[in-house]
Amino acid sequence: MVDMERRSALRRVLAVVLSVVAVGAVAIYVTKPQPGNGPSATAGGTATVTPQAQAPKATAPDGAPIGAFVRKPKPEALPNVTFQDGNGQPVALESFRGKVVLLNLWATWCVPCRKEMPALDRLQAALGSDEFEVVALSIDRSGVAGARKFLDSIGIAKLKLYADPSAKLGNDLKAIGLPTTILIDRQGREIGRLIGPAEWDDADAKALVQAALKGS
Protein backbone atom coordinates (compact mmCIF):
# COMPACT_ATOMS: atom_id res chain seq x y z
CA MET A 1 0.00 0.00 0.00
CA VAL A 2 2.87 2.36 0.92
CA ASP A 3 4.70 1.44 -2.28
CA MET A 4 1.64 2.27 -4.38
CA GLU A 5 1.30 5.66 -2.69
CA ARG A 6 5.01 6.38 -3.33
CA ARG A 7 4.71 5.45 -7.01
CA SER A 8 1.64 7.66 -7.36
CA ALA A 9 3.46 10.60 -5.76
CA LEU A 10 6.46 10.12 -8.07
CA ARG A 11 4.18 10.15 -11.11
CA ARG A 12 2.64 13.48 -9.98
CA VAL A 13 6.09 15.04 -9.45
CA LEU A 14 7.31 13.79 -12.84
CA ALA A 15 4.22 15.24 -14.56
CA VAL A 16 4.85 18.64 -12.97
CA VAL A 17 8.53 18.61 -14.07
CA LEU A 18 7.63 17.68 -17.65
CA SER A 19 5.03 20.48 -17.79
CA VAL A 20 7.59 23.05 -16.64
CA VAL A 21 10.11 21.86 -19.25
CA ALA A 22 7.50 22.04 -22.04
CA VAL A 23 6.44 25.59 -21.10
CA GLY A 24 10.07 26.67 -21.02
CA ALA A 25 10.72 25.25 -24.48
CA VAL A 26 7.71 27.09 -25.92
CA ALA A 27 8.84 30.35 -24.30
CA ILE A 28 12.32 30.00 -25.79
CA TYR A 29 10.92 29.45 -29.32
CA VAL A 30 8.54 32.42 -29.11
CA THR A 31 10.98 34.96 -27.65
CA LYS A 32 14.12 34.01 -29.56
CA PRO A 33 14.02 34.72 -33.31
CA GLN A 34 14.60 31.56 -35.30
CA PRO A 35 16.22 31.44 -38.76
CA GLY A 36 13.55 31.24 -41.44
CA ASN A 37 10.68 32.21 -39.15
CA GLY A 38 10.12 35.56 -40.88
CA PRO A 39 10.55 39.13 -39.59
CA SER A 40 12.28 39.70 -36.28
CA ALA A 41 10.28 41.25 -33.43
CA THR A 42 11.07 44.40 -31.52
CA ALA A 43 10.85 44.69 -27.74
CA GLY A 44 7.30 45.92 -28.09
CA GLY A 45 6.34 42.89 -30.16
CA THR A 46 6.05 44.66 -33.55
CA ALA A 47 7.50 42.76 -36.50
CA THR A 48 10.11 44.70 -38.45
CA VAL A 49 11.52 44.07 -41.90
CA THR A 50 14.63 45.72 -43.29
CA PRO A 51 13.68 47.22 -46.68
CA GLN A 52 15.77 46.12 -49.64
CA ALA A 53 16.63 48.51 -52.47
CA GLN A 54 14.93 47.33 -55.64
CA ALA A 55 14.74 48.53 -59.21
CA PRO A 56 11.28 49.50 -60.44
CA LYS A 57 9.25 46.50 -61.56
CA ALA A 58 7.09 46.23 -64.64
CA THR A 59 3.38 46.49 -63.92
CA ALA A 60 0.65 44.27 -65.33
CA PRO A 61 0.27 44.54 -69.12
CA ASP A 62 -3.36 45.67 -69.14
CA GLY A 63 -3.88 49.38 -69.75
CA ALA A 64 -5.15 51.43 -66.83
CA PRO A 65 -7.90 54.01 -67.32
CA ILE A 66 -6.78 57.62 -67.06
CA GLY A 67 -9.02 57.70 -63.99
CA ALA A 68 -6.14 55.92 -62.24
CA PHE A 69 -4.13 59.14 -62.56
CA VAL A 70 -3.27 60.36 -59.04
CA ARG A 71 -3.28 64.15 -58.80
CA LYS A 72 -1.19 65.94 -56.19
CA PRO A 73 -3.12 68.20 -53.78
CA LYS A 74 -0.92 70.96 -55.17
CA PRO A 75 1.92 70.81 -57.71
CA GLU A 76 5.19 69.54 -56.22
CA ALA A 77 8.78 70.30 -57.18
CA LEU A 78 10.72 67.55 -58.94
CA PRO A 79 14.47 66.95 -58.77
CA ASN A 80 16.38 68.40 -61.71
CA VAL A 81 17.51 65.06 -63.09
CA THR A 82 19.83 64.84 -66.09
CA PHE A 83 19.71 62.26 -68.88
CA GLN A 84 20.81 61.91 -72.52
CA ASP A 85 19.22 62.83 -75.82
CA GLY A 86 19.45 60.74 -78.99
CA ASN A 87 22.95 62.08 -79.67
CA GLY A 88 24.20 61.16 -76.22
CA GLN A 89 24.22 64.79 -75.10
CA PRO A 90 23.12 65.72 -71.55
CA VAL A 91 19.61 67.08 -71.08
CA ALA A 92 18.30 68.52 -67.81
CA LEU A 93 14.65 68.10 -66.88
CA GLU A 94 14.45 71.80 -66.04
CA SER A 95 15.32 72.62 -69.67
CA PHE A 96 11.68 71.77 -70.49
CA ARG A 97 10.31 74.56 -68.29
CA GLY A 98 7.79 76.66 -70.16
CA LYS A 99 6.20 73.49 -71.58
CA VAL A 100 3.72 71.07 -70.14
CA VAL A 101 5.50 67.70 -70.16
CA LEU A 102 4.22 64.16 -69.98
CA LEU A 103 7.30 62.32 -68.67
CA ASN A 104 7.06 58.60 -69.32
CA LEU A 105 9.58 56.32 -67.59
CA TRP A 106 10.07 53.04 -69.40
CA ALA A 107 12.60 50.30 -70.10
CA THR A 108 13.39 48.07 -73.06
CA TRP A 109 12.72 44.92 -71.00
CA CYS A 110 9.27 46.17 -69.88
CA VAL A 111 6.46 44.37 -71.75
CA PRO A 112 3.67 46.82 -70.75
CA CYS A 113 5.92 49.68 -71.88
CA ARG A 114 5.99 48.18 -75.38
CA LYS A 115 2.19 47.95 -75.33
CA GLU A 116 1.78 51.56 -74.24
CA MET A 117 4.40 53.31 -76.39
CA PRO A 118 2.37 53.61 -79.63
CA ALA A 119 -0.38 55.50 -77.76
CA LEU A 120 2.23 57.95 -76.43
CA ASP A 121 3.54 58.37 -79.98
CA ARG A 122 0.02 59.16 -81.21
CA LEU A 123 -0.49 61.63 -78.36
CA GLN A 124 2.69 63.45 -79.35
CA ALA A 125 1.50 63.50 -82.96
CA ALA A 126 -1.87 64.94 -81.93
CA LEU A 127 -0.86 67.50 -79.27
CA GLY A 128 2.90 67.94 -79.50
CA SER A 129 3.92 71.59 -79.88
CA ASP A 130 6.08 74.34 -78.41
CA GLU A 131 3.78 74.14 -75.38
CA PHE A 132 3.54 70.38 -74.87
CA GLU A 133 5.85 67.37 -75.27
CA VAL A 134 5.76 63.70 -74.44
CA VAL A 135 9.20 62.91 -73.02
CA ALA A 136 9.63 59.13 -73.14
CA LEU A 137 12.71 58.38 -71.03
CA SER A 138 14.30 54.94 -71.12
CA ILE A 139 15.83 54.07 -67.75
CA ASP A 140 17.82 50.93 -68.43
CA ARG A 141 21.51 50.29 -68.97
CA SER A 142 21.16 49.66 -72.70
CA GLY A 143 21.28 53.45 -73.03
CA VAL A 144 20.65 55.36 -76.24
CA ALA A 145 21.48 52.44 -78.53
CA GLY A 146 19.08 50.07 -76.78
CA ALA A 147 16.31 52.67 -76.65
CA ARG A 148 16.70 53.47 -80.36
CA LYS A 149 16.53 49.79 -81.32
CA PHE A 150 13.39 49.34 -79.22
CA LEU A 151 11.59 52.40 -80.62
CA ASP A 152 12.53 51.53 -84.20
CA SER A 153 11.27 47.96 -83.76
CA ILE A 154 7.74 49.15 -82.93
CA GLY A 155 7.58 51.97 -85.48
CA ILE A 156 7.72 54.99 -83.16
CA ALA A 157 7.94 58.10 -85.33
CA LYS A 158 7.06 61.22 -83.30
CA LEU A 159 8.72 60.69 -79.92
CA LYS A 160 12.23 61.99 -79.40
CA LEU A 161 14.78 59.60 -77.95
CA TYR A 162 15.87 60.11 -74.34
CA ALA A 163 17.77 57.64 -72.16
CA ASP A 164 19.30 57.24 -68.73
CA PRO A 165 22.06 54.60 -69.02
CA SER A 166 22.71 54.86 -65.26
CA ALA A 167 19.20 53.43 -64.68
CA LYS A 168 19.02 55.46 -61.46
CA LEU A 169 16.48 58.13 -62.34
CA GLY A 170 13.56 55.88 -61.48
CA ASN A 171 14.65 56.05 -57.86
CA ASP A 172 15.29 59.80 -58.05
CA LEU A 173 11.76 60.31 -59.36
CA LYS A 174 10.25 57.81 -56.89
CA ALA A 175 8.91 55.47 -59.55
CA ILE A 176 7.71 52.27 -57.90
CA GLY A 177 6.87 50.49 -61.15
CA LEU A 178 7.25 50.74 -64.91
CA PRO A 179 5.85 52.35 -66.83
CA THR A 180 5.32 55.43 -64.67
CA THR A 181 4.03 58.60 -66.32
CA ILE A 182 4.32 62.00 -64.63
CA LEU A 183 2.43 65.10 -65.79
CA ILE A 184 4.55 68.21 -65.25
CA ASP A 185 3.41 71.84 -65.42
CA ARG A 186 5.20 74.75 -67.10
CA GLN A 187 7.08 75.51 -63.87
CA GLY A 188 8.58 72.01 -63.77
CA ARG A 189 6.32 70.80 -60.96
CA GLU A 190 4.54 67.46 -60.78
CA ILE A 191 0.78 67.72 -61.26
CA GLY A 192 0.30 64.00 -60.70
CA ARG A 193 1.22 60.57 -62.01
CA LEU A 194 -0.12 57.26 -63.26
CA ILE A 195 1.61 53.95 -62.56
CA GLY A 196 1.11 51.34 -65.26
CA PRO A 197 0.26 51.46 -68.97
CA ALA A 198 -2.63 53.56 -70.26
CA GLU A 199 -4.28 54.57 -73.52
CA TRP A 200 -2.62 57.96 -73.62
CA ASP A 201 -4.22 59.00 -76.90
CA ASP A 202 -7.84 58.54 -75.83
CA ALA A 203 -10.22 61.42 -75.16
CA ASP A 204 -9.73 61.39 -71.38
CA ALA A 205 -5.95 61.52 -71.68
CA LYS A 206 -6.10 64.41 -74.12
CA ALA A 207 -8.50 66.25 -71.82
CA LEU A 208 -6.05 65.77 -68.94
CA VAL A 209 -3.23 67.30 -70.96
CA GLN A 210 -5.38 70.14 -72.28
CA ALA A 211 -6.50 70.99 -68.76
CA ALA A 212 -2.84 71.21 -67.72
CA LEU A 213 -2.14 73.50 -70.66
CA LYS A 214 -4.98 75.82 -69.69
CA GLY A 215 -4.20 75.74 -65.99
CA SER A 216 -0.50 76.49 -66.06
Foldseek 3Di string as FASTA:
>chain_A
DVVVVVVVVVVVVVVVVVVVVVVVVVVCPVQDDDPPPDFDADPVGDGDDDDDDDAAAADDQDADECVQWDFDPDWAAADFDWWAFLVRDIDTLQVLAQAKEWEKEAALVHPSCLVQVVLQLVQCVVDPDNHYAYAYEYQELVFNVSQVVSCVVSVRDRYTYIYHNVSCVCVSRVPRHPTKIFTAANNRTTRTIHHTGHNCNDPVNVVVNVVRSVPD
